[in-house]
């Protein structure tokens, strides 16, 4: 189990009531404009980075709880977005993670017990998380979901959702594979039973009409075994001409497995990190589907600040989509600068 807390003094207080008048008006300046008049509460200069300044609203505490697997750099992008919003919104961000759903649920209960003002959560295994979400809402703590749980967030009473429709993203990937002339595709699921990953491969299977798709389950907690399993599969079936990874670390491992097996298969993937951007530039990976994780983390925190201070919700009861979009050789240079900064 990993647990991290951002720096800050925090505020040990109960959930805040909606605020009106001058304090709210001053805070909203930080979100909708670069600055306000001196009598309207100009945001404080944060000094550098993507932060727009610090809101004048009272300090609040938000817990962000994810199913991050240690070492998966995808979650660094989520956290950077969340931290940027927290710095702007005068939020103490408490980030914690565990890939095991029961442990993740325990982290939610700990956040409830500490009387945080809001909770942002991933719902990779929604059935296991449902009691924890119910406990949070029963305690009057607003909950938003992001990244995982597209098909279940509303049923669980979560206020808002930020992410992509993984089935649609998978279908888009499958359609592109068809256009690329693929005939035999291997779709690699790194965590069996994780709903977002299962939906991606289901979408690929549906969208890929040019041939057949085979599913391969691996365990991302043991990357040497991932490399060995993919290598063995490629050696066993040389007809595989495209490998679909569902995360950047798996894609980069598949590149090595391809070399080990002497395979000519093309590697494509969902999600990016800076090393994956370099792999696209070099041609080791043909393309990636980007769901904009930095944006997911940012919106999850910022939406809770808006709700706590003005009763706002985003999306009109529907998910707020952050993807999918393709990154390939045609647009990689435009993304590379942001990837070097650790935000794409």
Foldseek 3Di string as FASTA:
>chain_A
DWWDWDDDDADQDAAFAADDDLLLQQQVCLVPHLFDDPVNHTFADPPDDDASHARSDDEFEEEEEELDQPPALLVVLLVLLLVSLCRHHNYTYIYDYHNDLLVSLVVLVVCVVSNGNAYEYECQPVVSNLVSLVVCVVSVHAYEYEDHDQPHCVVSVHQAYEWADLLVVLLVVLQVCQVVQFAEEEEEDQDPPRVSSVSNQVSNQVNNPRYHYDYHYHHPSDLVVLLVVLLVVCLVDLSHAEYEYAGDVSQVSNLVSCVVNVHNHAYEYEYDALVRLVCQQVRSHAKYWYQQSSVRSNCRNNQSSCCSHPVDHPDPPHHHGSDTDMDHPVCSVVCNVVNVVGND
